[in-house]
Amino acid sequence: MLPFTDEELYPAVEQSLNKVRPMLIKDGGDLKLLEIKSGVVFVQLQGACNGCSASGQTLKFGVERQLKIDIHPQISVVNIPIEQD
């Protein structure tokens, strides 16, 4: 359990995500913060990152790692894929 409410996490999560965003944009992608529930950050990888074979690595070793460094070691991130028609 994290020592913060989900509402308290929003500004810190946004700031942390903005640190990894340039790396994603450089590769033709981006990410969108959807919500935070019980210390789990739900994002949606977009652009070239959506469906990319390396997206799991990007999420774990890029996005989640940055959140753990900036906020708390127990925070985690989950990607909600964009629906494909």
PDB file of N, CA and C in Angstrom:
ATOM      1  N   MET A   1       0.844  -1.195   0.000  1.00  0.00           N
ATOM      2  CA  MET A   1       0.000   0.000   0.000  1.00  0.00           C
ATOM      3  C   MET A   1       0.884   1.252   0.000  1.00  0.00           C
ATOM      4  N   LEU A   2       0.569   2.169  -0.877  1.00  0.00           N
ATOM      5  CA  LEU A   2       1.344   3.404  -0.981  1.00  0.00           C
ATOM      6  C   LEU A   2       0.881   4.409   0.080  1.00  0.00           C
ATOM      7  N   PRO A   3       1.794   5.231   0.567  1.00  0.00           N
ATOM      8  CA  PRO A   3       1.435   6.221   1.591  1.00  0.00           C
ATOM      9  C   PRO A   3       0.814   7.498   1.014  1.00  0.00           C
ATOM     10  N   PHE A   4       0.165   7.396  -0.138  1.00  0.00           N
ATOM     11  CA  PHE A   4      -0.460   8.548  -0.792  1.00  0.00           C
ATOM     12  C   PHE A   4      -1.849   8.128  -1.264  1.00  0.00           C
ATOM     13  N   THR A   5      -2.754   9.089  -1.375  1.00  0.00           N
ATOM     14  CA  THR A   5      -4.032   8.798  -2.022  1.00  0.00           C
ATOM     15  C   THR A   5      -3.812   8.875  -3.535  1.00  0.00           C
ATOM     16  N   ASP A   6      -4.711   8.281  -4.275  1.00  0.00           N
ATOM     17  CA  ASP A   6      -4.609   8.338  -5.737  1.00  0.00           C
ATOM     18  C   ASP A   6      -4.631   9.787  -6.217  1.00  0.00           C
ATOM     19  N   GLU A   7      -5.442  10.626  -5.571  1.00  0.00           N
ATOM     20  CA  GLU A   7      -5.534  12.032  -5.956  1.00  0.00           C
ATOM     21  C   GLU A   7      -4.196  12.743  -5.725  1.00  0.00           C
ATOM     22  N   GLU A   8      -3.530  12.415  -4.626  1.00  0.00           N
ATOM     23  CA  GLU A   8      -2.235  13.026  -4.325  1.00  0.00           C
ATOM     24  C   GLU A   8      -1.170  12.616  -5.338  1.00  0.00           C
ATOM     25  N   LEU A   9      -1.327  11.450  -5.925  1.00  0.00           N
ATOM     26  CA  LEU A   9      -0.339  10.930  -6.869  1.00  0.00           C
ATOM     27  C   LEU A   9      -0.374  11.631  -8.231  1.00  0.00           C
ATOM     28  N   TYR A  10      -1.538  12.144  -8.634  1.00  0.00           N
ATOM     29  CA  TYR A  10      -1.691  12.686  -9.995  1.00  0.00           C
ATOM     30  C   TYR A  10      -0.603  13.676 -10.407  1.00  0.00           C
ATOM     31  N   PRO A  11      -0.350  14.752  -9.636  1.00  0.00           N
ATOM     32  CA  PRO A  11       0.674  15.717 -10.091  1.00  0.00           C
ATOM     33  C   PRO A  11       2.061  15.090 -10.194  1.00  0.00           C
ATOM     34  N   ALA A  12       2.414  14.240  -9.237  1.00  0.00           N
ATOM     35  CA  ALA A  12       3.738  13.608  -9.256  1.00  0.00           C
ATOM     36  C   ALA A  12       3.859  12.641 -10.432  1.00  0.00           C
ATOM     37  N   VAL A  13       2.794  11.910 -10.717  1.00  0.00           N
ATOM     38  CA  VAL A  13       2.804  10.962 -11.837  1.00  0.00           C
ATOM     39  C   VAL A  13       2.928  11.720 -13.151  1.00  0.00           C
ATOM     40  N   GLU A  14       2.157  12.797 -13.308  1.00  0.00           N
ATOM     41  CA  GLU A  14       2.234  13.614 -14.531  1.00  0.00           C
ATOM     42  C   GLU A  14       3.662  14.128 -14.738  1.00  0.00           C
ATOM     43  N   GLN A  15       4.273  14.619 -13.673  1.00  0.00           N
ATOM     44  CA  GLN A  15       5.630  15.156 -13.758  1.00  0.00           C
ATOM     45  C   GLN A  15       6.618  14.054 -14.154  1.00  0.00           C
ATOM     46  N   SER A  16       6.452  12.879 -13.571  1.00  0.00           N
ATOM     47  CA  SER A  16       7.332  11.753 -13.870  1.00  0.00           C
ATOM     48  C   SER A  16       7.143  11.277 -15.315  1.00  0.00           C
ATOM     49  N   LEU A  17       5.895  11.202 -15.759  1.00  0.00           N
ATOM     50  CA  LEU A  17       5.615  10.779 -17.140  1.00  0.00           C
ATOM     51  C   LEU A  17       6.212  11.764 -18.138  1.00  0.00           C
ATOM     52  N   ASN A  18       6.223  13.035 -17.776  1.00  0.00           N
ATOM     53  CA  ASN A  18       6.798  14.042 -18.674  1.00  0.00           C
ATOM     54  C   ASN A  18       8.301  13.865 -18.856  1.00  0.00           C
ATOM     55  N   LYS A  19       8.960  13.164 -17.936  1.00  0.00           N
ATOM     56  CA  LYS A  19      10.389  12.886 -18.084  1.00  0.00           C
ATOM     57  C   LYS A  19      10.648  11.826 -19.154  1.00  0.00           C
ATOM     58  N   VAL A  20       9.742  10.850 -19.293  1.00  0.00           N
ATOM     59  CA  VAL A  20       9.943   9.783 -20.291  1.00  0.00           C
ATOM     60  C   VAL A  20       9.273  10.106 -21.624  1.00  0.00           C
ATOM     61  N   ARG A  21       8.353  11.051 -21.607  1.00  0.00           N
ATOM     62  CA  ARG A  21       7.604  11.397 -22.826  1.00  0.00           C
ATOM     63  C   ARG A  21       8.495  11.764 -24.015  1.00  0.00           C
ATOM     64  N   PRO A  22       9.577  12.571 -23.839  1.00  0.00           N
ATOM     65  CA  PRO A  22      10.427  12.916 -24.998  1.00  0.00           C
ATOM     66  C   PRO A  22      11.029  11.689 -25.683  1.00  0.00           C
ATOM     67  N   MET A  23      11.381  10.664 -24.913  1.00  0.00           N
ATOM     68  CA  MET A  23      11.919   9.436 -25.487  1.00  0.00           C
ATOM     69  C   MET A  23      10.866   8.753 -26.373  1.00  0.00           C
ATOM     70  N   LEU A  24       9.622   8.749 -25.905  1.00  0.00           N
ATOM     71  CA  LEU A  24       8.543   8.124 -26.677  1.00  0.00           C
ATOM     72  C   LEU A  24       8.237   8.926 -27.938  1.00  0.00           C
ATOM     73  N   ILE A  25       8.189  10.237 -27.808  1.00  0.00           N
ATOM     74  CA  ILE A  25       7.886  11.112 -28.947  1.00  0.00           C
ATOM     75  C   ILE A  25       8.971  10.992 -30.015  1.00  0.00           C
ATOM     76  N   LYS A  26      10.230  10.863 -29.563  1.00  0.00           N
ATOM     77  CA  LYS A  26      11.352  10.713 -30.502  1.00  0.00           C
ATOM     78  C   LYS A  26      11.166   9.468 -31.382  1.00  0.00           C
ATOM     79  N   ASP A  27      10.527   8.439 -30.825  1.00  0.00           N
ATOM     80  CA  ASP A  27      10.281   7.199 -31.570  1.00  0.00           C
ATOM     81  C   ASP A  27       8.905   7.180 -32.234  1.00  0.00           C
ATOM     82  N   GLY A  28       8.232   8.323 -32.278  1.00  0.00           N
ATOM     83  CA  GLY A  28       6.942   8.410 -32.965  1.00  0.00           C
ATOM     84  C   GLY A  28       5.752   8.010 -32.114  1.00  0.00           C
ATOM     85  N   GLY A  29       5.940   7.953 -30.800  1.00  0.00           N
ATOM     86  CA  GLY A  29       4.845   7.551 -29.915  1.00  0.00           C
ATOM     87  C   GLY A  29       4.568   8.595 -28.851  1.00  0.00           C
ATOM     88  N   ASP A  30       3.770   8.188 -27.889  1.00  0.00           N
ATOM     89  CA  ASP A  30       3.434   9.031 -26.747  1.00  0.00           C
ATOM     90  C   ASP A  30       2.682   8.158 -25.755  1.00  0.00           C
ATOM     91  N   LEU A  31       2.273   8.745 -24.641  1.00  0.00           N
ATOM     92  CA  LEU A  31       1.416   8.020 -23.733  1.00  0.00           C
ATOM     93  C   LEU A  31       0.460   8.985 -23.072  1.00  0.00           C
ATOM     94  N   LYS A  32      -0.676   8.443 -22.658  1.00  0.00           N
ATOM     95  CA  LYS A  32      -1.738   9.234 -22.059  1.00  0.00           C
ATOM     96  C   LYS A  32      -2.038   8.625 -20.693  1.00  0.00           C
ATOM     97  N   LEU A  33      -2.107   9.465 -19.666  1.00  0.00           N
ATOM     98  CA  LEU A  33      -2.490   9.011 -18.332  1.00  0.00           C
ATOM     99  C   LEU A  33      -4.002   8.867 -18.307  1.00  0.00           C
ATOM    100  N   LEU A  34      -4.484   7.640 -18.036  1.00  0.00           N
ATOM    101  CA  LEU A  34      -5.924   7.399 -18.008  1.00  0.00           C
ATOM    102  C   LEU A  34      -6.475   7.582 -16.596  1.00  0.00           C
ATOM    103  N   GLU A  35      -5.875   6.880 -15.630  1.00  0.00           N
ATOM    104  CA  GLU A  35      -6.323   7.004 -14.244  1.00  0.00           C
ATOM    105  C   GLU A  35      -5.310   6.362 -13.306  1.00  0.00           C
ATOM    106  N   ILE A  36      -5.497   6.608 -12.032  1.00  0.00           N
ATOM    107  CA  ILE A  36      -4.684   5.985 -10.994  1.00  0.00           C
ATOM    108  C   ILE A  36      -5.664   5.342 -10.016  1.00  0.00           C
ATOM    109  N   LYS A  37      -5.490   4.050  -9.773  1.00  0.00           N
ATOM    110  CA  LYS A  37      -6.375   3.317  -8.874  1.00  0.00           C
ATOM    111  C   LYS A  37      -5.539   2.485  -7.928  1.00  0.00           C
ATOM    112  N   SER A  38      -5.665   2.738  -6.638  1.00  0.00           N
ATOM    113  CA  SER A  38      -4.934   1.989  -5.608  1.00  0.00           C
ATOM    114  C   SER A  38      -3.438   1.933  -5.891  1.00  0.00           C
ATOM    115  N   GLY A  39      -2.885   3.045  -6.331  1.00  0.00           N
ATOM    116  CA  GLY A  39      -1.451   3.120  -6.585  1.00  0.00           C
ATOM    117  C   GLY A  39      -0.994   2.483  -7.883  1.00  0.00           C
ATOM    118  N   VAL A  40      -1.934   2.066  -8.717  1.00  0.00           N
ATOM    119  CA  VAL A  40      -1.598   1.522 -10.036  1.00  0.00           C
ATOM    120  C   VAL A  40      -1.914   2.605 -11.065  1.00  0.00           C
ATOM    121  N   VAL A  41      -0.913   2.915 -11.884  1.00  0.00           N
ATOM    122  CA  VAL A  41      -1.052   3.964 -12.897  1.00  0.00           C
ATOM    123  C   VAL A  41      -1.472   3.300 -14.209  1.00  0.00           C
ATOM    124  N   PHE A  42      -2.618   3.694 -14.717  1.00  0.00           N
ATOM    125  CA  PHE A  42      -3.121   3.162 -15.981  1.00  0.00           C
ATOM    126  C   PHE A  42      -2.837   4.176 -17.083  1.00  0.00           C
ATOM    127  N   VAL A  43      -2.092   3.744 -18.088  1.00  0.00           N
ATOM    128  CA  VAL A  43      -1.732   4.612 -19.208  1.00  0.00           C
ATOM    129  C   VAL A  43      -2.157   3.947 -20.509  1.00  0.00           C
ATOM    130  N   GLN A  44      -2.099   4.720 -21.569  1.00  0.00           N
ATOM    131  CA  GLN A  44      -2.360   4.185 -22.911  1.00  0.00           C
ATOM    132  C   GLN A  44      -1.213   4.640 -23.800  1.00  0.00           C
ATOM    133  N   LEU A  45      -0.434   3.658 -24.271  1.00  0.00           N
ATOM    134  CA  LEU A  45       0.637   3.963 -25.215  1.00  0.00           C
ATOM    135  C   LEU A  45      -0.004   4.342 -26.532  1.00  0.00           C
ATOM    136  N   GLN A  46       0.512   5.395 -27.166  1.00  0.00           N
ATOM    137  CA  GLN A  46      -0.108   5.912 -28.382  1.00  0.00           C
ATOM    138  C   GLN A  46       0.896   6.022 -29.514  1.00  0.00           C
ATOM    139  N   GLY A  47       0.378   6.296 -30.696  1.00  0.00           N
ATOM    140  CA  GLY A  47       1.231   6.442 -31.873  1.00  0.00           C
ATOM    141  C   GLY A  47       1.985   5.160 -32.157  1.00  0.00           C
ATOM    142  N   ALA A  48       3.266   5.287 -32.474  1.00  0.00           N
ATOM    143  CA  ALA A  48       4.088   4.125 -32.824  1.00  0.00           C
ATOM    144  C   ALA A  48       4.259   3.174 -31.641  1.00  0.00           C
ATOM    145  N   CYS A  49       4.041   3.655 -30.414  1.00  0.00           N
ATOM    146  CA  CYS A  49       4.196   2.798 -29.225  1.00  0.00           C
ATOM    147  C   CYS A  49       3.035   1.812 -29.086  1.00  0.00           C
ATOM    148  N   ASN A  50       1.875   2.169 -29.622  1.00  0.00           N
ATOM    149  CA  ASN A  50       0.716   1.290 -29.526  1.00  0.00           C
ATOM    150  C   ASN A  50       0.944   0.053 -30.386  1.00  0.00           C
ATOM    151  N   GLY A  51       1.012  -1.102 -29.735  1.00  0.00           N
ATOM    152  CA  GLY A  51       1.190  -2.351 -30.461  1.00  0.00           C
ATOM    153  C   GLY A  51       2.626  -2.668 -30.826  1.00  0.00           C
ATOM    154  N   CYS A  52       3.566  -1.811 -30.458  1.00  0.00           N
ATOM    155  CA  CYS A  52       4.984  -2.064 -30.757  1.00  0.00           C
ATOM    156  C   CYS A  52       5.468  -3.263 -29.952  1.00  0.00           C
ATOM    157  N   SER A  53       6.314  -4.073 -30.569  1.00  0.00           N
ATOM    158  CA  SER A  53       6.813  -5.272 -29.890  1.00  0.00           C
ATOM    159  C   SER A  53       7.661  -4.944 -28.668  1.00  0.00           C
ATOM    160  N   ALA A  54       8.222  -3.752 -28.611  1.00  0.00           N
ATOM    161  CA  ALA A  54       9.043  -3.348 -27.463  1.00  0.00           C
ATOM    162  C   ALA A  54       8.244  -2.577 -26.415  1.00  0.00           C
ATOM    163  N   SER A  55       6.934  -2.464 -26.594  1.00  0.00           N
ATOM    164  CA  SER A  55       6.141  -1.632 -25.684  1.00  0.00           C
ATOM    165  C   SER A  55       6.157  -2.162 -24.248  1.00  0.00           C
ATOM    166  N   GLY A  56       6.223  -3.473 -24.073  1.00  0.00           N
ATOM    167  CA  GLY A  56       6.305  -4.042 -22.726  1.00  0.00           C
ATOM    168  C   GLY A  56       7.577  -3.624 -22.009  1.00  0.00           C
ATOM    169  N   GLN A  57       8.691  -3.630 -22.752  1.00  0.00           N
ATOM    170  CA  GLN A  57       9.974  -3.198 -22.204  1.00  0.00           C
ATOM    171  C   GLN A  57       9.942  -1.696 -21.891  1.00  0.00           C
ATOM    172  N   THR A  58       9.357  -0.927 -22.798  1.00  0.00           N
ATOM    173  CA  THR A  58       9.244   0.520 -22.604  1.00  0.00           C
ATOM    174  C   THR A  58       8.472   0.819 -21.330  1.00  0.00           C
ATOM    175  N   LEU A  59       7.377   0.094 -21.144  1.00  0.00           N
ATOM    176  CA  LEU A  59       6.534   0.308 -19.972  1.00  0.00           C
ATOM    177  C   LEU A  59       7.266  -0.037 -18.684  1.00  0.00           C
ATOM    178  N   LYS A  60       7.917  -1.199 -18.659  1.00  0.00           N
ATOM    179  CA  LYS A  60       8.570  -1.698 -17.444  1.00  0.00           C
ATOM    180  C   LYS A  60       9.856  -0.937 -17.133  1.00  0.00           C
ATOM    181  N   PHE A  61      10.736  -0.814 -18.117  1.00  0.00           N
ATOM    182  CA  PHE A  61      12.072  -0.267 -17.861  1.00  0.00           C
ATOM    183  C   PHE A  61      12.191   1.224 -18.164  1.00  0.00           C
ATOM    184  N   GLY A  62      11.176   1.802 -18.775  1.00  0.00           N
ATOM    185  CA  GLY A  62      11.174   3.239 -19.028  1.00  0.00           C
ATOM    186  C   GLY A  62      10.197   3.933 -18.089  1.00  0.00           C
ATOM    187  N   VAL A  63       8.902   3.710 -18.337  1.00  0.00           N
ATOM    188  CA  VAL A  63       7.848   4.410 -17.609  1.00  0.00           C
ATOM    189  C   VAL A  63       7.801   3.984 -16.133  1.00  0.00           C
ATOM    190  N   GLU A  64       7.650   2.687 -15.869  1.00  0.00           N
ATOM    191  CA  GLU A  64       7.511   2.231 -14.484  1.00  0.00           C
ATOM    192  C   GLU A  64       8.774   2.509 -13.666  1.00  0.00           C
ATOM    193  N   ARG A  65       9.922   2.315 -14.271  1.00  0.00           N
ATOM    194  CA  ARG A  65      11.188   2.575 -13.579  1.00  0.00           C
ATOM    195  C   ARG A  65      11.273   4.039 -13.146  1.00  0.00           C
ATOM    196  N   GLN A  66      10.880   4.952 -14.032  1.00  0.00           N
ATOM    197  CA  GLN A  66      10.908   6.373 -13.699  1.00  0.00           C
ATOM    198  C   GLN A  66       9.934   6.690 -12.566  1.00  0.00           C
ATOM    199  N   LEU A  67       8.738   6.090 -12.607  1.00  0.00           N
ATOM    200  CA  LEU A  67       7.753   6.311 -11.541  1.00  0.00           C
ATOM    201  C   LEU A  67       8.283   5.805 -10.199  1.00  0.00           C
ATOM    202  N   LYS A  68       8.935   4.649 -10.215  1.00  0.00           N
ATOM    203  CA  LYS A  68       9.490   4.076  -8.980  1.00  0.00           C
ATOM    204  C   LYS A  68      10.605   4.968  -8.418  1.00  0.00           C
ATOM    205  N   ILE A  69      11.438   5.513  -9.288  1.00  0.00           N
ATOM    206  CA  ILE A  69      12.525   6.401  -8.857  1.00  0.00           C
ATOM    207  C   ILE A  69      11.946   7.699  -8.283  1.00  0.00           C
ATOM    208  N   ASP A  70      10.987   8.283  -8.997  1.00  0.00           N
ATOM    209  CA  ASP A  70      10.462   9.598  -8.626  1.00  0.00           C
ATOM    210  C   ASP A  70       9.474   9.559  -7.469  1.00  0.00           C
ATOM    211  N   ILE A  71       8.694   8.475  -7.364  1.00  0.00           N
ATOM    212  CA  ILE A  71       7.559   8.498  -6.433  1.00  0.00           C
ATOM    213  C   ILE A  71       7.666   7.458  -5.318  1.00  0.00           C
ATOM    214  N   HIS A  72       7.650   6.180  -5.678  1.00  0.00           N
ATOM    215  CA  HIS A  72       7.642   5.128  -4.651  1.00  0.00           C
ATOM    216  C   HIS A  72       7.972   3.790  -5.305  1.00  0.00           C
ATOM    217  N   PRO A  73       8.780   2.944  -4.629  1.00  0.00           N
ATOM    218  CA  PRO A  73       9.187   1.667  -5.222  1.00  0.00           C
ATOM    219  C   PRO A  73       8.044   0.671  -5.465  1.00  0.00           C
ATOM    220  N   GLN A  74       6.890   0.895  -4.841  1.00  0.00           N
ATOM    221  CA  GLN A  74       5.786  -0.054  -5.021  1.00  0.00           C
ATOM    222  C   GLN A  74       4.773   0.372  -6.084  1.00  0.00           C
ATOM    223  N   ILE A  75       4.990   1.520  -6.703  1.00  0.00           N
ATOM    224  CA  ILE A  75       4.049   1.972  -7.731  1.00  0.00           C
ATOM    225  C   ILE A  75       4.204   1.084  -8.970  1.00  0.00           C
ATOM    226  N   SER A  76       3.116   0.861  -9.669  1.00  0.00           N
ATOM    227  CA  SER A  76       3.210   0.053 -10.890  1.00  0.00           C
ATOM    228  C   SER A  76       2.393   0.717 -11.993  1.00  0.00           C
ATOM    229  N   VAL A  77       2.648   0.272 -13.203  1.00  0.00           N
ATOM    230  CA  VAL A  77       1.978   0.867 -14.356  1.00  0.00           C
ATOM    231  C   VAL A  77       1.405  -0.239 -15.235  1.00  0.00           C
ATOM    232  N   VAL A  78       0.219   0.040 -15.799  1.00  0.00           N
ATOM    233  CA  VAL A  78      -0.455  -0.922 -16.674  1.00  0.00           C
ATOM    234  C   VAL A  78      -0.865  -0.173 -17.936  1.00  0.00           C
ATOM    235  N   ASN A  79      -0.585  -0.775 -19.092  1.00  0.00           N
ATOM    236  CA  ASN A  79      -1.003  -0.191 -20.354  1.00  0.00           C
ATOM    237  C   ASN A  79      -2.391  -0.724 -20.727  1.00  0.00           C
ATOM    238  N   ILE A  80      -3.290   0.167 -21.089  1.00  0.00           N
ATOM    239  CA  ILE A  80      -4.607  -0.210 -21.606  1.00  0.00           C
ATOM    240  C   ILE A  80      -4.540   0.029 -23.108  1.00  0.00           C
ATOM    241  N   PRO A  81      -4.426  -1.053 -23.904  1.00  0.00           N
ATOM    242  CA  PRO A  81      -4.246  -0.884 -25.346  1.00  0.00           C
ATOM    243  C   PRO A  81      -5.414  -0.147 -26.001  1.00  0.00           C
ATOM    244  N   ILE A  82      -5.097   0.582 -27.054  1.00  0.00           N
ATOM    245  CA  ILE A  82      -6.124   1.252 -27.860  1.00  0.00           C
ATOM    246  C   ILE A  82      -6.872   0.161 -28.616  1.00  0.00           C
ATOM    247  N   GLU A  83      -8.193   0.253 -28.596  1.00  0.00           N
ATOM    248  CA  GLU A  83      -9.010  -0.729 -29.315  1.00  0.00           C
ATOM    249  C   GLU A  83      -8.740  -0.654 -30.812  1.00  0.00           C
ATOM    250  N   GLN A  84      -8.467  -1.791 -31.403  1.00  0.00           N
ATOM    251  CA  GLN A  84      -8.247  -1.862 -32.859  1.00  0.00           C
ATOM    252  C   GLN A  84      -9.542  -2.321 -33.525  1.00  0.00           C
ATOM    253  N   ASP A  85      -9.980  -1.610 -34.532  1.00  0.00           N
ATOM    254  CA  ASP A  85     -11.227  -1.977 -35.236  1.00  0.00           C
ATOM    255  C   ASP A  85     -10.947  -3.035 -36.283  1.00  0.00           C
TER     256      ASP A  85
END
